[in-house]
């Protein structure tokens, strides 16, 4: 009898782990099995589809996904290697930008943002419209000390002719620090301009920033971790963290790496496949999270 109870308990816990229920985040679509490491996504309101990419070790391709989670178009990016593509964003004209700035070991000196012209998105192959390279002037060592591993990044968005980038803290004794940098949307090399420091919480699994997105009306942006969401509004370009910041638990524990707005009150989130979970698109209604006033 004890063995039966133990087997039942193990099976039940496994099922709970594989099919999490949350009142905040709802399943929207399941992705194809070969899209196991989606690290960036951007919603196209004109076609009602998503553009997605995968991170290091995967192909130098963008994938257009329909509302059922199916790949309807693949675009190869010529003359570019997927060193560590970690994020995807779009400007207000519909051009896409690949964030090739994953930097787990904080040792890269070839960080870049790759522009893909909107007019080439229907092709099967295209070269970048241009490339922006950048560095962090505050980083003096490659890699820095274990207590100063602040220069990985998986999150950015386009706003006011600039990219706002949020670093991922990999320091020993993690304290939730994420450095916010500003980079102009101009071809060539730039030193990223430090703007502010964001501190969410101090548990790496729940607090390391893995994605960011800004609303179509440019009035709200969000930051993502594996289990949380920060909503920021009433901000200004020179001090974007001086706005109202609300932290929300998603009550859903998977490796979430990508987020995008569908409209001003709807978010879509995607996660990587880990064991028997992930590989999905989820939907979040911000009206259920934001305060009434």
Protein backbone atom coordinates (compact mmCIF):
# COMPACT_ATOMS: atom_id res chain seq x y z
CA UNK A 1 0.00 0.00 0.00
CA UNK A 2 2.84 2.39 0.86
CA UNK A 3 4.43 1.77 -2.54
CA UNK A 4 1.14 2.55 -4.30
CA UNK A 5 0.76 5.79 -2.35
CA UNK A 6 4.33 6.83 -3.13
CA UNK A 7 3.91 6.11 -6.85
CA UNK A 8 0.62 8.07 -6.90
CA UNK A 9 2.21 11.02 -5.10
CA UNK A 10 5.16 11.07 -7.49
CA UNK A 11 2.87 10.88 -10.53
CA UNK A 12 0.65 13.65 -9.20
CA UNK A 13 3.61 15.94 -8.50
CA UNK A 14 4.96 15.30 -12.00
CA UNK A 15 1.63 16.21 -13.58
CA UNK A 16 1.39 19.39 -11.52
CA UNK A 17 4.91 20.37 -12.61
CA UNK A 18 4.09 19.81 -16.28
CA UNK A 19 0.73 21.60 -16.41
CA UNK A 20 0.85 24.64 -14.19
CA UNK A 21 -2.30 26.66 -13.63
CA UNK A 22 -2.25 30.41 -13.05
CA UNK A 23 -4.92 33.10 -12.96
CA UNK A 24 -2.37 35.60 -14.32
CA UNK A 25 -0.95 33.83 -17.37
CA UNK A 26 -2.89 31.64 -19.81
CA UNK A 27 -1.71 29.16 -22.44
CA UNK A 28 -2.07 30.61 -25.95
CA UNK A 29 -0.22 28.29 -28.35
CA UNK A 30 2.33 25.48 -28.45
CA UNK A 31 5.42 25.98 -30.61
CA UNK A 32 6.99 23.38 -32.94
CA UNK A 33 9.43 21.02 -31.23
CA UNK A 34 12.45 22.50 -33.02
CA UNK A 35 11.85 25.93 -31.46
CA UNK A 36 13.15 24.87 -28.07
CA UNK A 37 15.17 27.96 -27.19
CA UNK A 38 13.11 31.01 -28.14
CA UNK A 39 14.87 34.00 -26.59
CA UNK A 40 13.16 36.94 -28.31
CA UNK A 41 9.82 37.74 -29.92
CA UNK A 42 8.03 40.70 -31.50
CA UNK A 43 4.35 40.92 -32.44
CA UNK A 44 3.36 42.24 -35.88
CA UNK A 45 -0.06 43.90 -35.53
CA UNK A 46 -0.56 44.14 -39.31
CA UNK A 47 -0.29 40.40 -39.97
CA UNK A 48 -1.31 39.30 -36.45
CA UNK A 49 1.77 37.11 -36.28
CA UNK A 50 4.89 36.83 -34.13
CA UNK A 51 8.51 37.05 -35.17
CA UNK A 52 10.83 34.88 -33.06
CA UNK A 53 14.47 33.94 -32.78
CA UNK A 54 16.52 31.43 -30.81
CA UNK A 55 19.72 31.96 -28.87
CA UNK A 56 23.34 30.77 -29.26
CA UNK A 57 23.98 27.45 -30.96
CA UNK A 58 20.91 27.82 -33.18
CA UNK A 59 20.51 28.97 -36.76
CA UNK A 60 20.81 32.58 -37.92
CA UNK A 61 17.11 32.69 -38.74
CA UNK A 62 13.94 34.54 -37.82
CA UNK A 63 10.65 32.65 -37.66
CA UNK A 64 7.20 34.04 -38.36
CA UNK A 65 4.59 32.31 -36.19
CA UNK A 66 0.81 32.38 -36.56
CA UNK A 67 -1.78 32.41 -33.76
CA UNK A 68 -1.76 28.59 -33.65
CA UNK A 69 1.98 28.50 -32.96
CA UNK A 70 2.88 27.25 -36.44
CA UNK A 71 5.86 28.52 -38.44
CA UNK A 72 4.54 30.14 -41.62
CA UNK A 73 7.78 31.72 -42.83
CA UNK A 74 11.51 31.45 -42.16
CA UNK A 75 13.97 34.26 -42.90
CA UNK A 76 17.70 33.53 -42.97
CA UNK A 77 19.96 36.44 -42.00
CA UNK A 78 22.99 36.33 -44.29
CA UNK A 79 26.49 37.42 -43.25
CA UNK A 80 25.59 37.03 -39.57
CA UNK A 81 26.34 34.27 -37.10
CA UNK A 82 24.08 33.60 -34.15
CA UNK A 83 26.75 34.29 -31.55
CA UNK A 84 24.12 34.73 -28.87
CA UNK A 85 20.89 36.25 -30.13
CA UNK A 86 18.95 37.04 -26.97
CA UNK A 87 16.26 39.56 -27.88
CA UNK A 88 14.12 40.90 -30.71
CA UNK A 89 12.36 44.26 -30.93
CA UNK A 90 10.76 46.49 -33.57
CA UNK A 91 10.59 50.21 -34.24
CA UNK A 92 7.36 52.07 -34.95
CA UNK A 93 7.83 51.55 -38.71
CA UNK A 94 7.98 47.76 -38.39
CA UNK A 95 11.71 47.20 -38.88
CA UNK A 96 13.13 44.43 -36.70
CA UNK A 97 16.26 44.53 -34.55
CA UNK A 98 18.14 41.48 -33.32
CA UNK A 99 19.91 41.83 -29.99
CA UNK A 100 23.12 39.85 -30.44
CA UNK A 101 24.43 40.71 -26.99
CA UNK A 102 24.16 37.54 -24.92
CA UNK A 103 27.29 37.57 -22.78
CA UNK A 104 27.11 34.85 -20.14
CA UNK A 105 30.80 35.01 -19.29
CA UNK A 106 30.99 38.82 -19.58
CA UNK A 107 33.93 38.40 -21.97
CA UNK A 108 32.51 39.44 -25.35
CA UNK A 109 33.87 42.47 -27.21
CA UNK A 110 31.61 42.08 -30.26
CA UNK A 111 28.19 43.06 -28.91
CA UNK A 112 25.82 44.21 -31.63
CA UNK A 113 22.29 45.09 -32.73
CA UNK A 114 21.28 43.95 -36.21
CA UNK A 115 18.65 45.85 -38.20
CA UNK A 116 16.38 43.92 -40.58
CA UNK A 117 14.45 46.12 -43.02
CA UNK A 118 10.68 45.58 -42.92
CA UNK A 119 10.59 45.41 -46.73
CA UNK A 120 12.76 42.29 -46.69
CA UNK A 121 10.75 40.28 -44.18
CA UNK A 122 8.92 38.35 -46.90
CA UNK A 123 12.17 37.12 -48.47
CA UNK A 124 13.75 33.78 -47.62
CA UNK A 125 17.19 35.35 -47.15
CA UNK A 126 18.35 38.89 -46.46
CA UNK A 127 21.38 40.82 -45.32
CA UNK A 128 21.14 43.30 -42.43
CA UNK A 129 20.17 46.86 -43.32
CA UNK A 130 22.98 47.85 -40.97
CA UNK A 131 24.70 46.79 -37.77
CA UNK A 132 25.21 48.75 -34.55
CA UNK A 133 28.12 47.69 -32.37
CA UNK A 134 28.58 48.88 -28.82
CA UNK A 135 30.43 48.48 -25.56
CA UNK A 136 29.79 49.28 -21.91
CA UNK A 137 32.26 52.02 -20.85
CA UNK A 138 31.95 50.97 -17.20
CA UNK A 139 33.29 47.49 -17.96
CA UNK A 140 37.07 47.52 -17.60
CA UNK A 141 37.88 43.79 -17.47
CA UNK A 142 36.85 40.91 -19.77
CA UNK A 143 35.65 39.07 -17.80
CA UNK A 144 35.33 41.19 -14.64
CA UNK A 145 35.53 39.87 -11.10
CA UNK A 146 32.93 37.31 -10.05
CA UNK A 147 31.23 39.99 -7.94
CA UNK A 148 30.94 42.37 -10.93
CA UNK A 149 29.42 40.15 -13.64
CA UNK A 150 26.84 42.74 -14.70
CA UNK A 151 27.26 42.78 -18.48
CA UNK A 152 25.18 39.97 -19.88
CA UNK A 153 21.92 41.14 -21.50
CA UNK A 154 18.70 39.52 -22.68
CA UNK A 155 16.32 42.48 -22.71
CA UNK A 156 15.83 45.65 -24.75
CA UNK A 157 13.22 47.70 -26.57
CA UNK A 158 13.12 50.60 -29.03
CA UNK A 159 11.91 53.99 -27.83
CA UNK A 160 12.47 57.58 -29.00
CA UNK A 161 15.13 56.67 -31.61
CA UNK A 162 17.14 54.73 -29.03
CA UNK A 163 17.41 51.23 -27.66
CA UNK A 164 16.96 50.79 -23.92
CA UNK A 165 18.90 47.76 -22.75
CA UNK A 166 18.62 46.03 -19.36
CA UNK A 167 21.56 43.89 -18.31
CA UNK A 168 21.32 40.44 -16.75
CA UNK A 169 23.24 40.16 -13.51
CA UNK A 170 25.40 37.02 -13.22
CA UNK A 171 27.41 38.20 -10.23
CA UNK A 172 28.28 36.09 -7.25
CA UNK A 173 25.97 37.05 -4.36
CA UNK A 174 23.22 38.18 -6.74
CA UNK A 175 21.37 41.27 -5.47
CA UNK A 176 18.92 41.93 -8.32
CA UNK A 177 20.90 44.76 -9.93
CA UNK A 178 20.22 45.37 -13.62
CA UNK A 179 22.00 48.25 -15.35
CA UNK A 180 19.94 50.27 -17.82
CA UNK A 181 21.75 51.54 -20.91
CA UNK A 182 20.75 53.72 -23.85
CA UNK A 183 22.10 53.21 -27.38
CA UNK A 184 21.22 55.41 -30.40
CA UNK A 185 19.70 53.78 -33.46
CA UNK A 186 22.56 54.85 -35.71
CA UNK A 187 24.81 52.52 -37.69
CA UNK A 188 28.39 52.21 -36.42
CA UNK A 189 30.01 51.84 -33.04
CA UNK A 190 28.73 53.48 -29.84
CA UNK A 191 29.50 53.51 -26.17
CA UNK A 192 26.31 52.56 -24.38
CA UNK A 193 25.13 55.39 -22.14
CA UNK A 194 24.35 54.40 -18.56
CA UNK A 195 20.88 55.63 -17.55
CA UNK A 196 19.83 54.10 -14.24
CA UNK A 197 19.98 50.96 -12.11
CA UNK A 198 17.00 48.68 -11.66
CA UNK A 199 16.69 46.41 -8.62
CA UNK A 200 13.77 44.05 -8.53
CA UNK A 201 14.43 41.33 -5.96
CA UNK A 202 17.43 39.31 -4.84
CA UNK A 203 16.73 35.69 -5.84
CA UNK A 204 18.38 34.94 -9.19
CA UNK A 205 15.79 32.46 -10.46
CA UNK A 206 12.94 34.89 -9.86
CA UNK A 207 14.65 38.23 -10.40
CA UNK A 208 17.21 38.10 -13.25
CA UNK A 209 15.84 40.11 -16.21
CA UNK A 210 15.25 37.95 -19.30
CA UNK A 211 13.07 40.13 -21.53
CA UNK A 212 11.58 43.58 -22.08
CA UNK A 213 8.94 45.19 -24.29
CA UNK A 214 7.18 48.52 -24.77
CA UNK A 215 3.50 49.06 -25.60
CA UNK A 216 2.34 50.31 -29.03
CA UNK A 217 1.28 53.65 -27.51
CA UNK A 218 4.79 53.97 -25.98
CA UNK A 219 3.34 54.67 -22.52
CA UNK A 220 4.11 51.40 -20.73
CA UNK A 221 6.99 48.98 -20.72
CA UNK A 222 7.50 45.66 -18.99
CA UNK A 223 10.43 43.66 -17.69
CA UNK A 224 10.30 39.88 -17.48
CA UNK A 225 11.93 37.19 -15.36
CA UNK A 226 11.19 33.47 -15.21
CA UNK A 227 8.43 33.99 -12.64
CA UNK A 228 7.72 37.73 -12.42
CA UNK A 229 6.67 40.76 -14.41
CA UNK A 230 7.42 44.43 -13.71
CA UNK A 231 5.10 46.99 -15.31
CA UNK A 232 6.42 50.54 -15.66
CA UNK A 233 4.39 53.57 -16.75
CA UNK A 234 4.44 57.36 -16.28
CA UNK A 235 8.12 57.37 -17.25
CA UNK A 236 10.27 59.82 -19.23
CA UNK A 237 13.14 59.08 -21.65
CA UNK A 238 15.86 60.47 -19.38
CA UNK A 239 14.78 58.58 -16.27
CA UNK A 240 12.60 55.69 -17.35
CA UNK A 241 12.69 54.04 -13.93
CA UNK A 242 11.32 57.15 -12.22
CA UNK A 243 7.83 56.17 -13.34
CA UNK A 244 5.39 53.94 -11.49
CA UNK A 245 6.78 50.41 -11.12
CA UNK A 246 4.51 47.50 -10.24
CA UNK A 247 5.82 44.02 -9.53
CA UNK A 248 3.58 41.03 -10.23
CA UNK A 249 4.09 37.33 -9.66
CA UNK A 250 3.05 35.16 -12.59
CA UNK A 251 2.48 32.07 -10.42
CA UNK A 252 4.00 30.05 -13.24
CA UNK A 253 7.57 28.75 -13.06
CA UNK A 254 9.23 28.10 -16.44
CA UNK A 255 12.24 29.54 -18.27
CA UNK A 256 10.54 32.58 -19.76
CA UNK A 257 12.88 34.43 -22.11
CA UNK A 258 10.71 36.53 -24.44
CA UNK A 259 7.88 39.05 -24.14
CA UNK A 260 6.00 41.34 -26.54
CA UNK A 261 2.88 43.51 -26.56
CA UNK A 262 -0.06 42.44 -28.75
CA UNK A 263 -1.83 45.71 -27.98
CA UNK A 264 -1.63 48.27 -25.18
CA UNK A 265 -3.23 45.91 -22.66
CA UNK A 266 -2.14 42.46 -23.87
CA UNK A 267 1.19 40.72 -23.42
CA UNK A 268 2.50 37.56 -25.02
CA UNK A 269 5.29 35.60 -23.35
CA UNK A 270 7.30 32.62 -24.57
CA UNK A 271 9.51 30.14 -22.73
CA UNK A 272 12.27 27.67 -23.52
CA UNK A 273 11.78 23.92 -23.29
CA UNK A 274 13.14 22.46 -20.06
CA UNK A 275 12.45 18.79 -19.38
CA UNK A 276 8.68 18.44 -19.92
CA UNK A 277 7.68 22.09 -19.64
CA UNK A 278 7.92 25.16 -21.85
CA UNK A 279 7.93 25.65 -25.60
CA UNK A 280 4.74 27.69 -25.52
CA UNK A 281 3.27 31.15 -26.04
CA UNK A 282 1.27 32.57 -23.14
CA UNK A 283 -1.11 35.50 -22.89
CA UNK A 284 -1.40 38.08 -20.08
CA UNK A 285 -4.17 40.67 -19.73
CA UNK A 286 -2.56 43.76 -18.19
CA UNK A 287 -5.94 45.22 -17.27
CA UNK A 288 -6.21 42.49 -14.67
CA UNK A 289 -2.86 43.47 -13.18
CA UNK A 290 -2.62 47.27 -13.37
CA UNK A 291 -4.34 49.29 -10.64
CA UNK A 292 -7.50 51.16 -11.60
CA UNK A 293 -5.90 54.55 -10.95
